Amino acid sequence: VAHRLAEEPVSLVGRPALFAGRVGLAERLAGAPLILPAPESGLRAGFEALRERLGVTPHIAAEVDDMAMMRLLAREGVGLAVLPPIVVRDELASGELEEGERLPGLVQPFHAVTLPRRFPNPLLREVLRGA
């Protein structure tokens, strides 16, 4: 059973140098190399709809199906990552990465997937109740 725990807004996140200059969202998406979620992900579908509305053809640096890998690529300066800032909370706090524009209408849901168990974990029950 998939239990929705939370959802987080999605932003462009990258090294501060990649945010040089004041440009609009469409110009930023068209001009910077992007680290995107894999094509089959729901987040990517939302990004593609936004891209289409803005009339942007992006320069794709990488397509990744793992947020930890997106985090590493953003830290290396490969491009701007399309991901929730919570994934790179420590890097944002240290200044290693910067959060740019929030992507309107894009959110990343987080789920807990459970299986029926003879002895359910009471801590998990509390987490699910809180969600």
N, C-alpha and C. Protein backbone atom coordinates (compact mmCIF):
# COMPACT_ATOMS: atom_id res chain seq x y z
N VAL A 1 0.86 -1.17 0.00
CA VAL A 1 0.00 0.00 0.00
C VAL A 1 0.90 1.22 0.00
N ALA A 2 0.61 2.17 -0.88
CA ALA A 2 1.38 3.41 -0.94
C ALA A 2 0.66 4.48 -0.11
N HIS A 3 1.37 5.01 0.88
CA HIS A 3 0.84 6.06 1.75
C HIS A 3 1.55 7.37 1.42
N ARG A 4 0.79 8.38 1.03
CA ARG A 4 1.40 9.67 0.73
C ARG A 4 1.75 10.36 2.05
N LEU A 5 3.04 10.65 2.24
CA LEU A 5 3.50 11.26 3.48
C LEU A 5 3.55 12.78 3.39
N ALA A 6 4.02 13.27 2.25
CA ALA A 6 4.21 14.71 2.11
C ALA A 6 4.44 15.03 0.65
N GLU A 7 4.48 16.31 0.36
CA GLU A 7 4.91 16.76 -0.95
C GLU A 7 5.73 18.02 -0.76
N GLU A 8 6.70 18.20 -1.62
CA GLU A 8 7.60 19.33 -1.53
C GLU A 8 7.59 20.08 -2.86
N PRO A 9 7.73 21.41 -2.81
CA PRO A 9 7.84 22.17 -4.05
C PRO A 9 9.15 21.83 -4.76
N VAL A 10 9.18 22.08 -6.05
CA VAL A 10 10.35 21.76 -6.88
C VAL A 10 10.94 23.06 -7.41
N SER A 11 12.26 23.13 -7.41
CA SER A 11 12.98 24.33 -7.84
C SER A 11 14.12 23.95 -8.77
N LEU A 12 14.72 24.97 -9.35
CA LEU A 12 16.01 24.79 -10.01
C LEU A 12 17.07 24.97 -8.94
N VAL A 13 17.99 24.02 -8.84
CA VAL A 13 19.03 24.05 -7.82
C VAL A 13 20.36 23.79 -8.50
N GLY A 14 21.37 24.59 -8.14
CA GLY A 14 22.69 24.38 -8.73
C GLY A 14 23.75 25.22 -8.07
N ARG A 15 24.93 25.16 -8.63
CA ARG A 15 26.05 25.95 -8.11
C ARG A 15 25.74 27.43 -8.35
N PRO A 16 26.13 28.29 -7.43
CA PRO A 16 25.80 29.72 -7.56
C PRO A 16 26.22 30.34 -8.88
N ALA A 17 27.34 29.92 -9.44
CA ALA A 17 27.82 30.49 -10.71
C ALA A 17 26.84 30.26 -11.85
N LEU A 18 26.03 29.21 -11.77
CA LEU A 18 25.07 28.91 -12.83
C LEU A 18 23.85 29.83 -12.79
N PHE A 19 23.72 30.62 -11.72
CA PHE A 19 22.61 31.55 -11.60
C PHE A 19 23.05 32.99 -11.89
N ALA A 20 24.20 33.16 -12.51
CA ALA A 20 24.70 34.50 -12.79
C ALA A 20 23.74 35.24 -13.72
N GLY A 21 23.52 36.48 -13.43
CA GLY A 21 22.65 37.31 -14.26
C GLY A 21 21.19 37.17 -13.89
N ARG A 22 20.46 38.24 -14.09
CA ARG A 22 19.02 38.22 -13.79
C ARG A 22 18.27 37.95 -15.08
N VAL A 23 17.73 36.74 -15.16
CA VAL A 23 16.93 36.37 -16.34
C VAL A 23 15.64 35.72 -15.84
N GLY A 24 14.66 35.68 -16.71
CA GLY A 24 13.40 35.05 -16.36
C GLY A 24 13.51 33.53 -16.40
N LEU A 25 12.46 32.89 -15.94
CA LEU A 25 12.45 31.43 -15.87
C LEU A 25 12.63 30.80 -17.24
N ALA A 26 11.95 31.29 -18.25
CA ALA A 26 12.06 30.70 -19.59
C ALA A 26 13.49 30.81 -20.11
N GLU A 27 14.11 31.97 -19.92
CA GLU A 27 15.49 32.15 -20.37
C GLU A 27 16.45 31.25 -19.60
N ARG A 28 16.20 31.10 -18.31
CA ARG A 28 17.06 30.24 -17.49
C ARG A 28 16.94 28.78 -17.96
N LEU A 29 15.72 28.33 -18.20
CA LEU A 29 15.52 26.94 -18.64
C LEU A 29 16.12 26.69 -20.02
N ALA A 30 16.09 27.70 -20.88
CA ALA A 30 16.63 27.54 -22.23
C ALA A 30 18.15 27.68 -22.26
N GLY A 31 18.71 28.43 -21.32
CA GLY A 31 20.13 28.76 -21.40
C GLY A 31 21.06 27.88 -20.60
N ALA A 32 20.57 27.28 -19.53
CA ALA A 32 21.46 26.51 -18.65
C ALA A 32 21.36 25.02 -18.94
N PRO A 33 22.44 24.28 -18.78
CA PRO A 33 22.33 22.82 -18.86
C PRO A 33 21.47 22.33 -17.69
N LEU A 34 20.59 21.38 -17.95
CA LEU A 34 19.66 20.91 -16.93
C LEU A 34 19.88 19.44 -16.59
N ILE A 35 19.73 19.14 -15.32
CA ILE A 35 19.73 17.78 -14.81
C ILE A 35 18.27 17.46 -14.52
N LEU A 36 17.69 16.57 -15.32
CA LEU A 36 16.26 16.32 -15.25
C LEU A 36 15.95 14.94 -14.71
N PRO A 37 14.77 14.80 -14.10
CA PRO A 37 14.32 13.46 -13.72
C PRO A 37 14.12 12.60 -14.96
N ALA A 38 14.15 11.30 -14.78
CA ALA A 38 13.99 10.36 -15.89
C ALA A 38 12.66 10.60 -16.61
N PRO A 39 12.64 10.35 -17.93
CA PRO A 39 11.42 10.61 -18.72
C PRO A 39 10.17 9.93 -18.22
N GLU A 40 10.28 8.78 -17.58
CA GLU A 40 9.08 8.06 -17.15
C GLU A 40 8.56 8.51 -15.78
N SER A 41 9.19 9.50 -15.15
CA SER A 41 8.76 9.94 -13.83
C SER A 41 7.63 10.96 -13.92
N GLY A 42 6.82 11.02 -12.88
CA GLY A 42 5.75 12.00 -12.82
C GLY A 42 6.28 13.41 -12.77
N LEU A 43 7.39 13.61 -12.08
CA LEU A 43 7.99 14.94 -12.00
C LEU A 43 8.43 15.42 -13.38
N ARG A 44 8.96 14.51 -14.16
CA ARG A 44 9.39 14.88 -15.52
C ARG A 44 8.19 15.26 -16.38
N ALA A 45 7.08 14.56 -16.22
CA ALA A 45 5.87 14.89 -16.98
C ALA A 45 5.42 16.31 -16.64
N GLY A 46 5.47 16.67 -15.36
CA GLY A 46 5.12 18.03 -14.96
C GLY A 46 6.09 19.05 -15.52
N PHE A 47 7.39 18.71 -15.53
CA PHE A 47 8.38 19.62 -16.10
C PHE A 47 8.14 19.81 -17.60
N GLU A 48 7.85 18.72 -18.29
CA GLU A 48 7.61 18.82 -19.74
C GLU A 48 6.40 19.70 -20.04
N ALA A 49 5.37 19.62 -19.21
CA ALA A 49 4.20 20.47 -19.41
C ALA A 49 4.58 21.94 -19.19
N LEU A 50 5.37 22.23 -18.17
CA LEU A 50 5.83 23.60 -17.91
C LEU A 50 6.69 24.09 -19.07
N ARG A 51 7.61 23.26 -19.51
CA ARG A 51 8.50 23.61 -20.61
C ARG A 51 7.69 23.95 -21.86
N GLU A 52 6.67 23.15 -22.13
CA GLU A 52 5.82 23.37 -23.30
C GLU A 52 5.07 24.70 -23.19
N ARG A 53 4.52 24.97 -22.00
CA ARG A 53 3.80 26.23 -21.79
C ARG A 53 4.70 27.44 -22.01
N LEU A 54 5.97 27.31 -21.59
CA LEU A 54 6.92 28.42 -21.73
C LEU A 54 7.55 28.49 -23.12
N GLY A 55 7.34 27.45 -23.94
CA GLY A 55 7.93 27.42 -25.28
C GLY A 55 9.44 27.29 -25.26
N VAL A 56 9.95 26.49 -24.34
CA VAL A 56 11.40 26.35 -24.14
C VAL A 56 11.88 25.00 -24.66
N THR A 57 13.03 25.01 -25.32
CA THR A 57 13.74 23.79 -25.68
C THR A 57 14.99 23.74 -24.81
N PRO A 58 15.01 22.86 -23.81
CA PRO A 58 16.14 22.86 -22.86
C PRO A 58 17.37 22.14 -23.40
N HIS A 59 18.50 22.49 -22.80
CA HIS A 59 19.76 21.78 -23.03
C HIS A 59 19.89 20.76 -21.90
N ILE A 60 19.67 19.48 -22.21
CA ILE A 60 19.66 18.43 -21.19
C ILE A 60 21.08 17.92 -20.98
N ALA A 61 21.60 18.13 -19.78
CA ALA A 61 22.93 17.63 -19.43
C ALA A 61 22.86 16.19 -18.95
N ALA A 62 21.76 15.84 -18.26
CA ALA A 62 21.60 14.48 -17.73
C ALA A 62 20.14 14.21 -17.44
N GLU A 63 19.76 12.93 -17.58
CA GLU A 63 18.45 12.44 -17.17
C GLU A 63 18.72 11.37 -16.13
N VAL A 64 18.16 11.56 -14.94
CA VAL A 64 18.54 10.73 -13.80
C VAL A 64 17.28 10.22 -13.10
N ASP A 65 17.31 8.95 -12.68
CA ASP A 65 16.15 8.40 -11.98
C ASP A 65 16.36 8.28 -10.48
N ASP A 66 17.35 8.99 -9.94
CA ASP A 66 17.67 8.90 -8.52
C ASP A 66 18.02 10.29 -8.00
N MET A 67 17.33 10.74 -6.96
CA MET A 67 17.57 12.08 -6.44
C MET A 67 18.97 12.23 -5.84
N ALA A 68 19.51 11.16 -5.30
CA ALA A 68 20.87 11.23 -4.76
C ALA A 68 21.87 11.50 -5.89
N MET A 69 21.66 10.90 -7.04
CA MET A 69 22.55 11.15 -8.18
C MET A 69 22.36 12.57 -8.70
N MET A 70 21.11 13.05 -8.72
CA MET A 70 20.87 14.44 -9.13
C MET A 70 21.63 15.40 -8.21
N ARG A 71 21.61 15.08 -6.93
CA ARG A 71 22.31 15.90 -5.94
C ARG A 71 23.81 15.94 -6.23
N LEU A 72 24.39 14.78 -6.51
CA LEU A 72 25.82 14.72 -6.80
C LEU A 72 26.17 15.49 -8.07
N LEU A 73 25.36 15.34 -9.11
CA LEU A 73 25.63 16.05 -10.36
C LEU A 73 25.51 17.56 -10.18
N ALA A 74 24.54 18.00 -9.40
CA ALA A 74 24.40 19.43 -9.13
C ALA A 74 25.61 19.94 -8.35
N ARG A 75 26.08 19.17 -7.37
CA ARG A 75 27.25 19.56 -6.59
C ARG A 75 28.49 19.67 -7.47
N GLU A 76 28.59 18.83 -8.48
CA GLU A 76 29.73 18.87 -9.39
C GLU A 76 29.63 19.99 -10.42
N GLY A 77 28.49 20.68 -10.48
CA GLY A 77 28.34 21.79 -11.40
C GLY A 77 27.96 21.39 -12.81
N VAL A 78 27.42 20.17 -12.98
CA VAL A 78 27.04 19.68 -14.30
C VAL A 78 25.92 20.51 -14.90
N GLY A 79 25.04 21.02 -14.04
CA GLY A 79 23.93 21.83 -14.51
C GLY A 79 22.99 22.16 -13.38
N LEU A 80 21.85 22.72 -13.73
CA LEU A 80 20.82 23.03 -12.76
C LEU A 80 19.90 21.83 -12.64
N ALA A 81 19.67 21.39 -11.43
CA ALA A 81 18.84 20.21 -11.18
C ALA A 81 17.40 20.64 -10.91
N VAL A 82 16.47 19.87 -11.43
CA VAL A 82 15.04 20.07 -11.18
C VAL A 82 14.68 19.11 -10.06
N LEU A 83 14.64 19.64 -8.82
CA LEU A 83 14.37 18.77 -7.67
C LEU A 83 13.92 19.59 -6.47
N PRO A 84 13.34 18.92 -5.48
CA PRO A 84 12.93 19.63 -4.27
C PRO A 84 14.16 20.08 -3.47
N PRO A 85 14.19 21.32 -3.02
CA PRO A 85 15.34 21.81 -2.25
C PRO A 85 15.64 20.99 -1.00
N ILE A 86 14.64 20.31 -0.44
CA ILE A 86 14.89 19.51 0.76
C ILE A 86 15.92 18.42 0.51
N VAL A 87 16.06 17.99 -0.73
CA VAL A 87 17.02 16.93 -1.08
C VAL A 87 18.46 17.42 -0.91
N VAL A 88 18.67 18.73 -1.05
CA VAL A 88 20.01 19.31 -0.96
C VAL A 88 20.08 20.32 0.18
N ARG A 89 19.34 20.07 1.23
CA ARG A 89 19.24 20.99 2.37
C ARG A 89 20.62 21.39 2.91
N ASP A 90 21.51 20.43 3.10
CA ASP A 90 22.83 20.73 3.67
C ASP A 90 23.66 21.60 2.73
N GLU A 91 23.61 21.30 1.45
CA GLU A 91 24.37 22.07 0.47
C GLU A 91 23.84 23.49 0.34
N LEU A 92 22.53 23.66 0.48
CA LEU A 92 21.95 25.01 0.45
C LEU A 92 22.39 25.79 1.69
N ALA A 93 22.38 25.13 2.84
CA ALA A 93 22.78 25.80 4.08
C ALA A 93 24.25 26.23 4.05
N SER A 94 25.10 25.43 3.42
CA SER A 94 26.53 25.75 3.36
C SER A 94 26.86 26.74 2.25
N GLY A 95 25.93 26.97 1.33
CA GLY A 95 26.21 27.87 0.21
C GLY A 95 26.83 27.18 -0.99
N GLU A 96 27.08 25.89 -0.87
CA GLU A 96 27.65 25.14 -2.00
C GLU A 96 26.69 25.14 -3.18
N LEU A 97 25.39 25.01 -2.90
CA LEU A 97 24.35 25.08 -3.92
C LEU A 97 23.41 26.22 -3.58
N GLU A 98 22.68 26.65 -4.59
CA GLU A 98 21.73 27.75 -4.44
C GLU A 98 20.39 27.32 -5.02
N GLU A 99 19.33 27.75 -4.37
CA GLU A 99 18.00 27.51 -4.92
C GLU A 99 17.63 28.69 -5.79
N GLY A 100 17.34 28.41 -7.05
CA GLY A 100 16.89 29.45 -7.97
C GLY A 100 15.39 29.52 -7.97
N GLU A 101 14.83 29.62 -9.13
CA GLU A 101 13.38 29.76 -9.25
C GLU A 101 12.65 28.50 -8.83
N ARG A 102 11.53 28.71 -8.14
CA ARG A 102 10.59 27.61 -7.91
C ARG A 102 9.88 27.38 -9.23
N LEU A 103 9.60 26.13 -9.53
CA LEU A 103 8.94 25.79 -10.78
C LEU A 103 7.44 25.72 -10.52
N PRO A 104 6.70 26.66 -11.08
CA PRO A 104 5.27 26.75 -10.76
C PRO A 104 4.50 25.49 -11.10
N GLY A 105 3.72 25.03 -10.12
CA GLY A 105 2.87 23.86 -10.32
C GLY A 105 3.56 22.53 -10.16
N LEU A 106 4.87 22.52 -9.91
CA LEU A 106 5.58 21.25 -9.76
C LEU A 106 5.81 20.94 -8.28
N VAL A 107 5.40 19.75 -7.88
CA VAL A 107 5.66 19.25 -6.53
C VAL A 107 6.12 17.80 -6.63
N GLN A 108 6.91 17.40 -5.67
CA GLN A 108 7.38 16.02 -5.59
C GLN A 108 6.70 15.35 -4.41
N PRO A 109 5.85 14.36 -4.65
CA PRO A 109 5.25 13.65 -3.52
C PRO A 109 6.24 12.63 -2.95
N PHE A 110 6.12 12.39 -1.66
CA PHE A 110 6.93 11.38 -0.98
C PHE A 110 5.97 10.37 -0.36
N HIS A 111 6.25 9.08 -0.61
CA HIS A 111 5.37 8.01 -0.16
C HIS A 111 6.12 7.01 0.70
N ALA A 112 5.37 6.33 1.56
CA ALA A 112 5.86 5.14 2.27
C ALA A 112 5.10 3.97 1.68
N VAL A 113 5.80 2.95 1.27
CA VAL A 113 5.16 1.76 0.71
C VAL A 113 5.27 0.66 1.75
N THR A 114 4.10 0.11 2.11
CA THR A 114 4.07 -0.91 3.16
C THR A 114 3.46 -2.20 2.63
N LEU A 115 3.80 -3.28 3.30
CA LEU A 115 3.22 -4.59 3.04
C LEU A 115 2.48 -5.04 4.28
N PRO A 116 1.44 -5.83 4.11
CA PRO A 116 0.76 -6.36 5.31
C PRO A 116 1.74 -7.19 6.13
N ARG A 117 1.73 -6.96 7.44
CA ARG A 117 2.64 -7.68 8.33
C ARG A 117 1.87 -8.24 9.50
N ARG A 118 2.32 -9.37 9.96
CA ARG A 118 1.68 -10.00 11.11
C ARG A 118 1.89 -9.13 12.36
N PHE A 119 3.08 -8.55 12.49
CA PHE A 119 3.40 -7.68 13.62
C PHE A 119 3.83 -6.32 13.07
N PRO A 120 2.87 -5.43 12.82
CA PRO A 120 3.21 -4.11 12.26
C PRO A 120 4.12 -3.31 13.19
N ASN A 121 4.97 -2.52 12.60
CA ASN A 121 5.89 -1.68 13.35
C ASN A 121 5.12 -0.51 13.95
N PRO A 122 5.12 -0.35 15.28
CA PRO A 122 4.35 0.73 15.91
C PRO A 122 4.90 2.12 15.54
N LEU A 123 6.19 2.23 15.29
CA LEU A 123 6.75 3.53 14.90
C LEU A 123 6.24 3.94 13.52
N LEU A 124 6.14 2.99 12.63
CA LEU A 124 5.60 3.28 11.30
C LEU A 124 4.15 3.72 11.41
N ARG A 125 3.40 3.10 12.27
CA ARG A 125 2.01 3.48 12.48
C ARG A 125 1.91 4.95 12.89
N GLU A 126 2.82 5.41 13.76
CA GLU A 126 2.84 6.81 14.19
C GLU A 126 3.18 7.74 13.05
N VAL A 127 4.14 7.35 12.23
CA VAL A 127 4.51 8.18 11.07
C VAL A 127 3.34 8.31 10.12
N LEU A 128 2.68 7.20 9.83
CA LEU A 128 1.55 7.23 8.90
C LEU A 128 0.38 8.01 9.48
N ARG A 129 0.17 7.93 10.76
CA ARG A 129 -0.91 8.68 11.41
C ARG A 129 -0.63 10.17 11.33
N GLY A 130 0.64 10.55 11.46
CA GLY A 130 1.02 11.96 11.39
C GLY A 130 0.92 12.54 9.99
N ALA A 131 1.00 11.68 8.99
CA ALA A 131 0.93 12.14 7.61
C ALA A 131 -0.52 12.39 7.23
